[in-house]
Amino acid sequence: KQWYQRRVAITAGIEGHFRAILGTMTVEEIYSDREGFAKNVRAIAGPDVSKMGIRIISFVIQNITDNVDYLKSLGVKRAAEVKRDADVGVAKSTAESGIKTSEAERQHMEAKYSCDSLIAENKKTYEMKQAEFNQEVNRSKAEAELAYDLQAAKVR
């Protein structure tokens, strides 16, 4: 056969297998799993074309199009899902961040109140000791003054 005739026969064979595989998959599967589709073509069409002395080394789907923009709407739907999931993730993250910030603020306030309470308790203890000390000093001064006055009275 002429090269052109072989080419037409190979193309027709691959196209036939191609259509058979397309019939077993949904549009969404073909669109989302191009590599799986290409593997199916190689696996199913490979033995047939090898009988003609041809080996399928690579089969890559470069572009999938349609006339009614169904595939485009799949992309729009997926983009909307991704955006929605991202928005939900951001909202959850913001909520978790707010909760953690509130928890940290609560712990901070508890520590502050605990420290303030300890400071107040220590200040009270200090003032009580200071008052006791002042009272003892005043008593000692009073005793000294009385002793002085008593001694002065004895001397007169």
C-alpha atoms as a PDB file:
ATOM      1  CA  LYS A   1       0.000   0.000   0.000  1.00  0.00           C
ATOM      2  CA  GLN A   2       0.999   3.533  -0.521  1.00  0.00           C
ATOM      3  CA  TRP A   3       2.053   5.584   2.481  1.00  0.00           C
ATOM      4  CA  TYR A   4      -1.062   7.735   2.126  1.00  0.00           C
ATOM      5  CA  GLN A   5      -3.325   4.684   2.174  1.00  0.00           C
ATOM      6  CA  ARG A   6      -1.567   3.349   5.279  1.00  0.00           C
ATOM      7  CA  ARG A   7      -1.917   6.712   6.931  1.00  0.00           C
ATOM      8  CA  VAL A   8      -5.646   6.790   6.171  1.00  0.00           C
ATOM      9  CA  ALA A   9      -6.063   3.229   7.476  1.00  0.00           C
ATOM     10  CA  ILE A  10      -4.127   3.959  10.676  1.00  0.00           C
ATOM     11  CA  THR A  11      -6.011   7.205  11.233  1.00  0.00           C
ATOM     12  CA  ALA A  12      -9.353   5.475  10.647  1.00  0.00           C
ATOM     13  CA  GLY A  13      -8.422   2.679  13.067  1.00  0.00           C
ATOM     14  CA  ILE A  14      -7.329   5.059  15.781  1.00  0.00           C
ATOM     15  CA  GLU A  15     -10.390   7.244  15.226  1.00  0.00           C
ATOM     16  CA  GLY A  16     -12.656   4.187  15.528  1.00  0.00           C
ATOM     17  CA  HIS A  17     -11.044   3.183  18.815  1.00  0.00           C
ATOM     18  CA  PHE A  18     -11.145   6.810  19.835  1.00  0.00           C
ATOM     19  CA  ARG A  19     -14.911   6.953  19.283  1.00  0.00           C
ATOM     20  CA  ALA A  20     -15.415   3.633  21.106  1.00  0.00           C
ATOM     21  CA  ILE A  21     -13.541   4.936  24.140  1.00  0.00           C
ATOM     22  CA  LEU A  22     -15.439   8.237  23.988  1.00  0.00           C
ATOM     23  CA  GLY A  23     -18.673   6.247  24.165  1.00  0.00           C
ATOM     24  CA  THR A  24     -17.658   4.710  27.507  1.00  0.00           C
ATOM     25  CA  MET A  25     -16.708   7.968  29.241  1.00  0.00           C
ATOM     26  CA  THR A  26     -18.638  11.036  30.299  1.00  0.00           C
ATOM     27  CA  VAL A  27     -17.620  14.439  29.003  1.00  0.00           C
ATOM     28  CA  GLU A  28     -16.530  15.373  32.517  1.00  0.00           C
ATOM     29  CA  GLU A  29     -14.264  12.300  32.733  1.00  0.00           C
ATOM     30  CA  ILE A  30     -12.669  13.047  29.384  1.00  0.00           C
ATOM     31  CA  TYR A  31     -12.167  16.695  30.290  1.00  0.00           C
ATOM     32  CA  SER A  32     -10.801  16.075  33.771  1.00  0.00           C
ATOM     33  CA  ASP A  33      -8.745  12.907  33.095  1.00  0.00           C
ATOM     34  CA  ARG A  34      -7.034  13.491  29.769  1.00  0.00           C
ATOM     35  CA  GLU A  35      -4.119  11.254  30.722  1.00  0.00           C
ATOM     36  CA  GLY A  36      -6.467   8.362  31.559  1.00  0.00           C
ATOM     37  CA  PHE A  37      -8.234   8.843  28.251  1.00  0.00           C
ATOM     38  CA  ALA A  38      -4.901   8.888  26.388  1.00  0.00           C
ATOM     39  CA  LYS A  39      -3.817   5.680  28.186  1.00  0.00           C
ATOM     40  CA  ASN A  40      -7.052   4.008  27.100  1.00  0.00           C
ATOM     41  CA  VAL A  41      -6.416   5.005  23.487  1.00  0.00           C
ATOM     42  CA  ARG A  42      -2.846   3.662  23.625  1.00  0.00           C
ATOM     43  CA  ALA A  43      -3.970   0.430  25.311  1.00  0.00           C
ATOM     44  CA  ILE A  44      -6.890  -0.269  22.994  1.00  0.00           C
ATOM     45  CA  ALA A  45      -5.627   1.117  19.673  1.00  0.00           C
ATOM     46  CA  GLY A  46      -1.995   0.072  20.244  1.00  0.00           C
ATOM     47  CA  PRO A  47      -2.402  -3.653  19.437  1.00  0.00           C
ATOM     48  CA  ASP A  48      -4.473  -2.882  16.329  1.00  0.00           C
ATOM     49  CA  VAL A  49      -1.966  -0.452  14.798  1.00  0.00           C
ATOM     50  CA  SER A  50       0.972  -2.674  15.780  1.00  0.00           C
ATOM     51  CA  LYS A  51      -0.388  -5.204  13.282  1.00  0.00           C
ATOM     52  CA  MET A  52       0.278  -2.525  10.657  1.00  0.00           C
ATOM     53  CA  GLY A  53       3.835  -2.129  11.883  1.00  0.00           C
ATOM     54  CA  ILE A  54       3.164   1.068  13.825  1.00  0.00           C
ATOM     55  CA  ARG A  55       3.752   1.554  17.515  1.00  0.00           C
ATOM     56  CA  ILE A  56       1.979   4.280  19.512  1.00  0.00           C
ATOM     57  CA  ILE A  57       4.728   5.855  21.574  1.00  0.00           C
ATOM     58  CA  SER A  58       2.861   8.902  22.686  1.00  0.00           C
ATOM     59  CA  PHE A  59      -0.724  10.047  22.556  1.00  0.00           C
ATOM     60  CA  VAL A  60      -1.455  13.453  23.986  1.00  0.00           C
ATOM     61  CA  ILE A  61      -4.725  15.342  23.949  1.00  0.00           C
ATOM     62  CA  GLN A  62      -3.784  18.945  23.387  1.00  0.00           C
ATOM     63  CA  ASN A  63      -7.183  20.562  23.337  1.00  0.00           C
ATOM     64  CA  ILE A  64     -10.799  19.626  23.889  1.00  0.00           C
ATOM     65  CA  THR A  65     -13.479  21.927  22.498  1.00  0.00           C
ATOM     66  CA  ASP A  66     -17.189  21.902  21.882  1.00  0.00           C
ATOM     67  CA  ASN A  67     -19.596  24.096  19.998  1.00  0.00           C
ATOM     68  CA  VAL A  68     -22.015  24.802  22.849  1.00  0.00           C
ATOM     69  CA  ASP A  69     -19.516  25.948  25.512  1.00  0.00           C
ATOM     70  CA  TYR A  70     -20.321  22.982  27.764  1.00  0.00           C
ATOM     71  CA  LEU A  71     -16.654  22.516  28.641  1.00  0.00           C
ATOM     72  CA  LYS A  72     -16.295  26.213  29.336  1.00  0.00           C
ATOM     73  CA  SER A  73     -19.243  26.022  31.730  1.00  0.00           C
ATOM     74  CA  LEU A  74     -17.549  23.080  33.480  1.00  0.00           C
ATOM     75  CA  GLY A  75     -14.521  25.289  34.005  1.00  0.00           C
ATOM     76  CA  VAL A  76     -16.705  28.123  35.282  1.00  0.00           C
ATOM     77  CA  LYS A  77     -18.478  25.737  37.640  1.00  0.00           C
ATOM     78  CA  ARG A  78     -15.148  24.376  38.912  1.00  0.00           C
ATOM     79  CA  ALA A  79     -13.753  27.901  39.311  1.00  0.00           C
ATOM     80  CA  ALA A  80     -16.848  28.850  41.320  1.00  0.00           C
ATOM     81  CA  GLU A  81     -16.411  25.748  43.496  1.00  0.00           C
ATOM     82  CA  VAL A  82     -12.748  26.566  44.070  1.00  0.00           C
ATOM     83  CA  LYS A  83     -13.608  30.178  44.926  1.00  0.00           C
ATOM     84  CA  ARG A  84     -16.365  29.029  47.274  1.00  0.00           C
ATOM     85  CA  ASP A  85     -14.025  26.543  48.961  1.00  0.00           C
ATOM     86  CA  ALA A  86     -11.372  29.244  49.282  1.00  0.00           C
ATOM     87  CA  ASP A  87     -13.919  31.656  50.788  1.00  0.00           C
ATOM     88  CA  VAL A  88     -15.026  28.972  53.257  1.00  0.00           C
ATOM     89  CA  GLY A  89     -11.384  28.287  54.110  1.00  0.00           C
ATOM     90  CA  VAL A  90     -10.717  31.974  54.681  1.00  0.00           C
ATOM     91  CA  ALA A  91     -13.831  32.285  56.842  1.00  0.00           C
ATOM     92  CA  LYS A  92     -12.842  29.237  58.910  1.00  0.00           C
ATOM     93  CA  SER A  93      -9.301  30.524  59.247  1.00  0.00           C
ATOM     94  CA  THR A  94     -10.543  33.956  60.284  1.00  0.00           C
ATOM     95  CA  ALA A  95     -12.919  32.407  62.817  1.00  0.00           C
ATOM     96  CA  GLU A  96     -10.188  30.159  64.222  1.00  0.00           C
ATOM     97  CA  SER A  97      -7.831  33.119  64.370  1.00  0.00           C
ATOM     98  CA  GLY A  98     -10.462  35.154  66.210  1.00  0.00           C
ATOM     99  CA  ILE A  99     -11.044  32.327  68.661  1.00  0.00           C
ATOM    100  CA  LYS A 100      -7.326  31.907  69.291  1.00  0.00           C
ATOM    101  CA  THR A 101      -6.889  35.665  69.658  1.00  0.00           C
ATOM    102  CA  SER A 102      -9.769  35.784  72.153  1.00  0.00           C
ATOM    103  CA  GLU A 103      -8.330  32.844  74.058  1.00  0.00           C
ATOM    104  CA  ALA A 104      -4.896  34.502  74.178  1.00  0.00           C
ATOM    105  CA  GLU A 105      -6.510  37.766  75.345  1.00  0.00           C
ATOM    106  CA  ARG A 106      -8.438  35.876  78.046  1.00  0.00           C
ATOM    107  CA  GLN A 107      -5.249  34.176  79.247  1.00  0.00           C
ATOM    108  CA  HIS A 108      -3.464  37.531  79.184  1.00  0.00           C
ATOM    109  CA  MET A 109      -6.205  39.135  81.290  1.00  0.00           C
ATOM    110  CA  GLU A 110      -6.205  36.209  83.744  1.00  0.00           C
ATOM    111  CA  ALA A 111      -2.431  36.551  84.146  1.00  0.00           C
ATOM    112  CA  LYS A 112      -2.768  40.334  84.534  1.00  0.00           C
ATOM    113  CA  TYR A 113      -5.485  39.997  87.180  1.00  0.00           C
ATOM    114  CA  SER A 114      -3.462  37.348  88.972  1.00  0.00           C
ATOM    115  CA  CYS A 115      -0.393  39.612  88.957  1.00  0.00           C
ATOM    116  CA  ASP A 116      -2.455  42.641  90.006  1.00  0.00           C
ATOM    117  CA  SER A 117      -3.952  40.606  92.849  1.00  0.00           C
ATOM    118  CA  LEU A 118      -0.516  39.436  93.969  1.00  0.00           C
ATOM    119  CA  ILE A 119       0.807  43.004  93.789  1.00  0.00           C
ATOM    120  CA  ALA A 120      -2.153  44.279  95.838  1.00  0.00           C
ATOM    121  CA  GLU A 121      -1.659  41.513  98.413  1.00  0.00           C
ATOM    122  CA  ASN A 122       2.059  42.276  98.694  1.00  0.00           C
ATOM    123  CA  LYS A 123       1.342  46.031  98.930  1.00  0.00           C
ATOM    124  CA  LYS A 124      -1.153  45.358 101.720  1.00  0.00           C
ATOM    125  CA  THR A 125       1.399  43.188 103.570  1.00  0.00           C
ATOM    126  CA  TYR A 126       4.039  45.881 103.095  1.00  0.00           C
ATOM    127  CA  GLU A 127       1.730  48.627 104.392  1.00  0.00           C
ATOM    128  CA  MET A 128       0.763  46.471 107.397  1.00  0.00           C
ATOM    129  CA  LYS A 129       4.440  45.867 108.227  1.00  0.00           C
ATOM    130  CA  GLN A 130       5.151  49.571 107.678  1.00  0.00           C
ATOM    131  CA  ALA A 131       2.287  50.485 110.028  1.00  0.00           C
ATOM    132  CA  GLU A 132       3.567  48.029 112.649  1.00  0.00           C
ATOM    133  CA  PHE A 133       7.085  49.439 112.300  1.00  0.00           C
ATOM    134  CA  ASN A 134       5.812  53.042 112.563  1.00  0.00           C
ATOM    135  CA  GLN A 135       3.733  52.108 115.596  1.00  0.00           C
ATOM    136  CA  GLU A 136       6.776  50.539 117.274  1.00  0.00           C
ATOM    137  CA  VAL A 137       8.937  53.558 116.392  1.00  0.00           C
ATOM    138  CA  ASN A 138       6.278  55.926 117.754  1.00  0.00           C
ATOM    139  CA  ARG A 139       5.963  53.829 120.926  1.00  0.00           C
ATOM    140  CA  SER A 140       9.733  53.880 121.354  1.00  0.00           C
ATOM    141  CA  LYS A 141       9.778  57.657 120.821  1.00  0.00           C
ATOM    142  CA  ALA A 142       6.968  58.104 123.336  1.00  0.00           C
ATOM    143  CA  GLU A 143       8.787  55.940 125.849  1.00  0.00           C
ATOM    144  CA  ALA A 144      11.989  57.910 125.287  1.00  0.00           C
ATOM    145  CA  GLU A 145      10.157  61.217 125.711  1.00  0.00           C
ATOM    146  CA  LEU A 146       8.490  59.976 128.880  1.00  0.00           C
ATOM    147  CA  ALA A 147      11.792  58.732 130.189  1.00  0.00           C
ATOM    148  CA  TYR A 148      13.344  62.105 129.376  1.00  0.00           C
ATOM    149  CA  ASP A 149      10.493  63.995 130.998  1.00  0.00           C
ATOM    150  CA  LEU A 150      10.678  61.681 134.035  1.00  0.00           C
ATOM    151  CA  GLN A 151      14.430  62.194 134.326  1.00  0.00           C
ATOM    152  CA  ALA A 152      14.025  65.949 133.889  1.00  0.00           C
ATOM    153  CA  ALA A 153      11.391  65.963 136.660  1.00  0.00           C
ATOM    154  CA  LYS A 154      13.667  64.029 138.961  1.00  0.00           C
ATOM    155  CA  VAL A 155      16.497  66.434 138.352  1.00  0.00           C
ATOM    156  CA  ARG A 156      14.414  69.501 139.183  1.00  0.00           C
END
